[in-house]
Every structure is written in structure tokens, then in C-alpha cells.
Amino acid sequence: MAGEPLVLVVEDEPAQREVLAYNIRAEGFQVVTAEAGDEALVLVRETPPDVIILDWMLPHVSGIEVCRQLKNGTDTSRIPVIMLSARSEEVDKVRGLETGADDYVVKPYSVAELLARLRTQLRRIRPAAVGERLEYDDILLDMTEHRVYRAGASLTLGPTEFRLLTAFMERPGRVWSREQLLDRVWGRDIYVDSRTVDVHVGRLRKVLRSSGSDDPIRTVRGAGYALG
């Protein structure tokens, strides 16, 4: 479904890769997998994931080198990386974190613990993905109840407008291009004309202003839209 977080699992052991993919999908997230470092780098650039679970020991390009390249990349540096490794020495953990990994999990690990760490990273970058309430100015979005309020008044949004508002409220001030909104709201594998974004942003604006409030969505000429 559109809007679900995308997790890239990079693991060369087929059994571990499938167990991780199965459990992450069971959490309601989308999953893509890679078994080698060079394959992972290609996938990230083609379809940037929300979080990467990355094994240290990989064929062709090591997990450490994959992490280094991603964290040095302008477009990929903000993607959280959870490093998996059988290396349990403190010096190895420090090396992994200094390379840019956002978390470090030692093998053998508990799948439940790894999923908890995954949710922690998602909460940091996409709080709505883990059922949190989002607030901006006088707008409140409740993911659990699927409701939106402005200045205390309940608003009625269609499902597309709700997903649009969720994306805006997760990153206030960020300028979203039409293509980025299409990926986040409609899904990466669905073709929708970019002008459709304008139509739904217009509908969202109309609802948000229905009580006489100001329009919180800003149009950035030549770039896209932003909240605030």
C-alpha cells in the first residue's frame, strides 16, 4: 500500500534474509532485499528506502563500505542504517557507528529486538508510520483513530488527502516535489499524472481552510509544496 515505510534488508544468508523479510512484512511494512553490497547500492539509488538493515559481512562490497558510501552521499546520508554483525567487540561496534550506522545489532539477535530497533528509527524519521499523533500549529493528526482536527474541530478528509497531510506533518518545512509526493502517497509502482498532486493538494487546502483558518500549505514555485 502507498505510504507504508519501505525497508531494505541486505543479508547474504538466504534463511536470515527471508526470516527478516517475513517478520518486517508482518509489521505492515514494505520490504525489498539484496544479498550483496553492490546490489544494495543500486537498489538504494533506484528506490530510496526509509530504513536499511545492513549486514557487515557481504560479498563484493562490505556492509561497512556500503554504509560509508551511503552516509557520504547527498541524497542518501539521512537514511537510517541498522548494522548487523557477528563482531561483538566494542572496537567493531565503535567502527560501525563511526562509519555512520545509526544502530548496531550483534548476531545472534532476537527478531523482536531488531523490530523494536527498526520501529525506533522509523519513529525518528516517520512518526506516523508507527501510529503516533502528529501536531503542527493548531492541526492535530491522530494515526490510530485516523482523524484530523484543526483548532479542536474535527475535519473530514479523503484517504488520499489524509496521506498527503501525514507526509507534510511528518516533515514540516520540507519542500516536497510532485514526484516525491507521488512516491510517498500513491506508491512507487503506480503511475499517476503529476497534475493529480495539484488537485489533491487543492482539496486538502480547502478542508484545512473550511473553518476560516489560514492556508498552512505553501507553494514553492518550480519545486513543489511545503507545510509552513
Protein backbone atom coordinates (compact mmCIF):
# COMPACT_ATOMS: atom_id res chain seq x y z
CA MET A 1 0.00 0.00 0.00
CA ALA A 2 1.11 3.53 -0.65
CA GLY A 3 2.54 5.32 2.32
CA GLU A 4 3.87 2.24 4.07
CA PRO A 5 7.54 2.51 5.07
CA LEU A 6 9.97 0.71 2.78
CA VAL A 7 12.72 -1.32 4.47
CA LEU A 8 15.76 -2.63 2.59
CA VAL A 9 17.23 -5.82 4.06
CA VAL A 10 20.82 -6.53 2.94
CA GLU A 11 21.83 -10.01 4.07
CA ASP A 12 23.75 -12.70 2.17
CA GLU A 13 22.40 -15.62 4.22
CA PRO A 14 19.15 -16.66 2.45
CA ALA A 15 17.48 -18.09 5.56
CA GLN A 16 18.15 -14.98 7.68
CA ARG A 17 17.14 -12.71 4.81
CA GLU A 18 13.78 -14.47 4.42
CA VAL A 19 13.07 -14.53 8.16
CA LEU A 20 13.71 -10.80 8.41
CA ALA A 21 11.64 -10.01 5.33
CA TYR A 22 8.73 -12.14 6.58
CA ASN A 23 8.67 -10.52 10.03
CA ILE A 24 9.04 -6.98 8.71
CA ARG A 25 6.14 -7.52 6.29
CA ALA A 26 4.11 -8.89 9.21
CA GLU A 27 4.62 -5.49 10.86
CA GLY A 28 2.85 -3.90 7.90
CA PHE A 29 5.95 -2.53 6.17
CA GLN A 30 7.15 -2.97 2.58
CA VAL A 31 10.39 -4.91 2.10
CA VAL A 32 12.99 -5.20 -0.63
CA THR A 33 16.05 -7.42 -0.23
CA ALA A 34 19.60 -7.62 -1.50
CA GLU A 35 22.25 -10.26 -0.96
CA ALA A 36 25.35 -8.25 -1.87
CA GLY A 37 26.70 -4.80 -1.18
CA ASP A 38 26.88 -3.62 -4.78
CA GLU A 39 23.30 -4.75 -5.36
CA ALA A 40 22.21 -2.80 -2.28
CA LEU A 41 23.84 0.41 -3.53
CA VAL A 42 21.99 0.11 -6.85
CA LEU A 43 18.64 -0.53 -5.12
CA VAL A 44 19.05 2.45 -2.79
CA ARG A 45 19.68 4.81 -5.67
CA GLU A 46 16.81 3.40 -7.75
CA THR A 47 14.24 3.32 -4.93
CA PRO A 48 15.42 5.00 -1.71
CA PRO A 49 14.13 3.07 1.33
CA ASP A 50 13.07 4.58 4.65
CA VAL A 51 15.43 2.34 6.68
CA ILE A 52 18.24 -0.08 5.76
CA ILE A 53 19.07 -3.24 7.72
CA LEU A 54 22.63 -3.98 6.64
CA ASP A 55 24.83 -6.99 7.32
CA TRP A 56 28.53 -6.24 7.88
CA MET A 57 29.91 -9.29 6.02
CA LEU A 58 28.73 -9.14 2.42
CA PRO A 59 30.18 -10.34 -0.89
CA HIS A 60 31.72 -7.85 -3.36
CA VAL A 61 31.25 -4.73 -1.21
CA SER A 62 31.24 -4.98 2.59
CA GLY A 63 28.44 -3.58 4.73
CA ILE A 64 30.86 -1.08 6.27
CA GLU A 65 31.77 0.22 2.80
CA VAL A 66 28.09 0.35 1.76
CA CYS A 67 27.32 2.36 4.90
CA ARG A 68 30.25 4.70 4.26
CA GLN A 69 29.16 5.40 0.69
CA LEU A 70 25.54 5.97 1.67
CA LYS A 71 26.39 8.32 4.53
CA ASN A 72 28.71 10.32 2.24
CA GLY A 73 26.02 10.64 -0.42
CA THR A 74 23.99 13.85 -0.59
CA ASP A 75 20.73 12.03 -1.33
CA THR A 76 21.28 9.01 0.93
CA SER A 77 23.01 10.34 4.05
CA ARG A 78 19.78 10.70 6.03
CA ILE A 79 18.57 7.11 5.52
CA PRO A 80 18.90 5.30 8.88
CA VAL A 81 21.16 2.23 8.78
CA ILE A 82 20.92 -0.61 11.30
CA MET A 83 24.14 -2.63 11.08
CA LEU A 84 24.06 -6.40 11.74
CA SER A 85 27.29 -8.11 12.69
CA ALA A 86 28.70 -11.18 14.38
CA ARG A 87 31.51 -8.90 15.58
CA SER A 88 30.71 -8.24 19.22
CA GLU A 89 33.91 -6.47 20.29
CA GLU A 90 33.49 -2.85 21.35
CA VAL A 91 36.07 -1.70 18.81
CA ASP A 92 33.95 -3.19 15.99
CA LYS A 93 30.78 -1.56 17.26
CA VAL A 94 32.56 1.79 17.51
CA ARG A 95 33.89 1.37 13.96
CA GLY A 96 30.37 0.62 12.68
CA LEU A 97 28.88 3.64 14.41
CA GLU A 98 31.72 5.93 13.36
CA THR A 99 31.17 4.87 9.76
CA GLY A 100 27.67 6.29 10.12
CA ALA A 101 25.46 3.40 11.23
CA ASP A 102 22.53 4.64 13.31
CA ASP A 103 22.32 1.41 15.31
CA TYR A 104 24.39 -1.76 15.73
CA VAL A 105 22.93 -5.21 16.45
CA VAL A 106 25.14 -8.20 17.30
CA LYS A 107 24.37 -11.66 15.91
CA PRO A 108 22.71 -13.85 17.01
CA TYR A 109 19.92 -11.38 17.68
CA SER A 110 16.30 -11.52 18.73
CA VAL A 111 13.97 -10.71 15.84
CA ALA A 112 11.65 -8.97 18.31
CA GLU A 113 14.51 -6.73 19.49
CA LEU A 114 15.53 -5.94 15.92
CA LEU A 115 11.94 -4.99 15.05
CA ALA A 116 11.85 -2.72 18.10
CA ARG A 117 15.03 -1.01 16.91
CA LEU A 118 13.52 -0.70 13.44
CA ARG A 119 10.44 0.99 14.87
CA THR A 120 12.70 3.37 16.83
CA GLN A 121 14.40 4.51 13.62
CA LEU A 122 11.04 4.86 11.86
CA ARG A 123 9.66 6.86 14.78
CA ARG A 124 12.53 9.27 14.33
CA ILE A 125 12.03 9.84 10.60
CA ARG A 126 8.37 8.89 10.04
CA PRO A 127 6.45 9.07 13.33
CA ALA A 128 3.10 8.47 11.66
CA ALA A 129 4.33 5.08 10.43
CA VAL A 130 4.30 3.75 13.99
CA GLY A 131 0.90 5.13 14.93
CA GLU A 132 1.93 8.38 16.58
CA ARG A 133 -0.03 11.61 16.82
CA LEU A 134 1.37 14.49 14.81
CA GLU A 135 0.89 18.15 15.65
CA TYR A 136 1.63 21.30 13.70
CA ASP A 137 0.38 24.68 14.84
CA ASP A 138 -3.34 24.10 15.53
CA ILE A 139 -3.56 20.91 13.41
CA LEU A 140 -3.65 17.50 15.12
CA LEU A 141 -3.42 14.26 13.14
CA ASP A 142 -4.17 11.03 15.02
CA MET A 143 -2.92 7.97 13.11
CA THR A 144 -4.52 5.48 15.50
CA GLU A 145 -8.02 6.93 15.14
CA HIS A 146 -7.41 8.16 11.58
CA ARG A 147 -8.78 11.58 12.48
CA VAL A 148 -7.70 15.16 11.86
CA TYR A 149 -8.55 18.20 13.98
CA ARG A 150 -7.89 21.89 13.46
CA ALA A 151 -8.35 24.27 16.36
CA GLY A 152 -10.26 21.46 18.08
CA ALA A 153 -12.75 20.98 15.24
CA SER A 154 -12.90 17.59 13.50
CA LEU A 155 -12.12 17.65 9.76
CA THR A 156 -13.27 15.14 7.15
CA LEU A 157 -10.51 14.13 4.75
CA GLY A 158 -10.48 11.54 1.99
CA PRO A 159 -7.83 8.81 2.24
CA THR A 160 -5.51 10.47 -0.28
CA GLU A 161 -5.74 13.86 1.41
CA PHE A 162 -5.10 12.16 4.78
CA ARG A 163 -1.89 10.57 3.43
CA LEU A 164 -0.82 13.88 1.91
CA LEU A 165 -1.30 15.69 5.21
CA THR A 166 0.59 12.93 7.01
CA ALA A 167 3.60 13.39 4.73
CA PHE A 168 3.53 17.16 5.23
CA MET A 169 3.19 16.89 9.03
CA GLU A 170 6.00 14.38 9.39
CA ARG A 171 8.42 16.92 7.91
CA PRO A 172 7.14 20.48 8.43
CA GLY A 173 9.07 22.95 6.31
CA ARG A 174 10.34 20.33 3.89
CA VAL A 175 9.65 21.12 0.26
CA TRP A 176 8.16 18.06 -1.45
CA SER A 177 8.32 17.80 -5.23
CA ARG A 178 5.30 16.37 -7.03
CA GLU A 179 7.31 13.23 -7.85
CA GLN A 180 8.25 12.71 -4.19
CA LEU A 181 4.63 13.11 -3.13
CA LEU A 182 3.55 10.64 -5.81
CA ASP A 183 6.01 8.07 -4.41
CA ARG A 184 5.01 8.65 -0.79
CA VAL A 185 1.23 8.99 -1.17
CA TRP A 186 0.29 6.95 -4.24
CA GLY A 187 3.11 4.40 -4.21
CA ARG A 188 6.29 3.81 -6.17
CA ASP A 189 4.76 1.30 -8.61
CA ILE A 190 1.61 3.22 -9.53
CA TYR A 191 1.52 5.63 -12.46
CA VAL A 192 -0.39 8.83 -11.70
CA ASP A 193 -0.05 12.09 -13.60
CA SER A 194 1.83 14.66 -11.52
CA ARG A 195 -1.02 17.14 -12.03
CA THR A 196 -3.12 14.83 -9.84
CA VAL A 197 -0.97 16.01 -6.92
CA ASP A 198 -2.11 19.58 -7.52
CA VAL A 199 -5.77 18.51 -7.47
CA HIS A 200 -5.45 16.69 -4.15
CA VAL A 201 -3.37 19.44 -2.56
CA GLY A 202 -6.17 21.81 -3.57
CA ARG A 203 -8.75 19.58 -1.90
CA LEU A 204 -6.62 19.34 1.24
CA ARG A 205 -6.23 23.11 1.37
CA LYS A 206 -10.00 23.58 1.02
CA VAL A 207 -10.70 21.34 4.02
CA LEU A 208 -7.96 22.89 6.16
CA ARG A 209 -9.37 26.37 5.45
CA SER A 210 -13.03 25.35 5.88
CA SER A 211 -13.33 26.99 9.30
CA GLY A 212 -11.84 30.27 8.08
CA SER A 213 -8.30 29.37 9.13
CA ASP A 214 -5.22 30.37 7.15
CA ASP A 215 -3.80 28.09 4.45
CA PRO A 216 -0.81 26.29 6.06
CA ILE A 217 0.44 24.78 2.78
CA ARG A 218 3.00 26.78 0.86
CA THR A 219 3.52 26.50 -2.91
CA VAL A 220 7.19 26.74 -3.85
CA ARG A 221 7.41 27.81 -7.47
CA GLY A 222 9.30 25.28 -9.57
CA ALA A 223 9.85 22.98 -6.60
CA GLY A 224 6.60 21.74 -5.05
CA TYR A 225 4.77 22.13 -1.77
CA ALA A 226 5.62 22.51 1.91
CA LEU A 227 3.78 22.73 5.20
CA GLY A 228 4.67 26.03 6.80
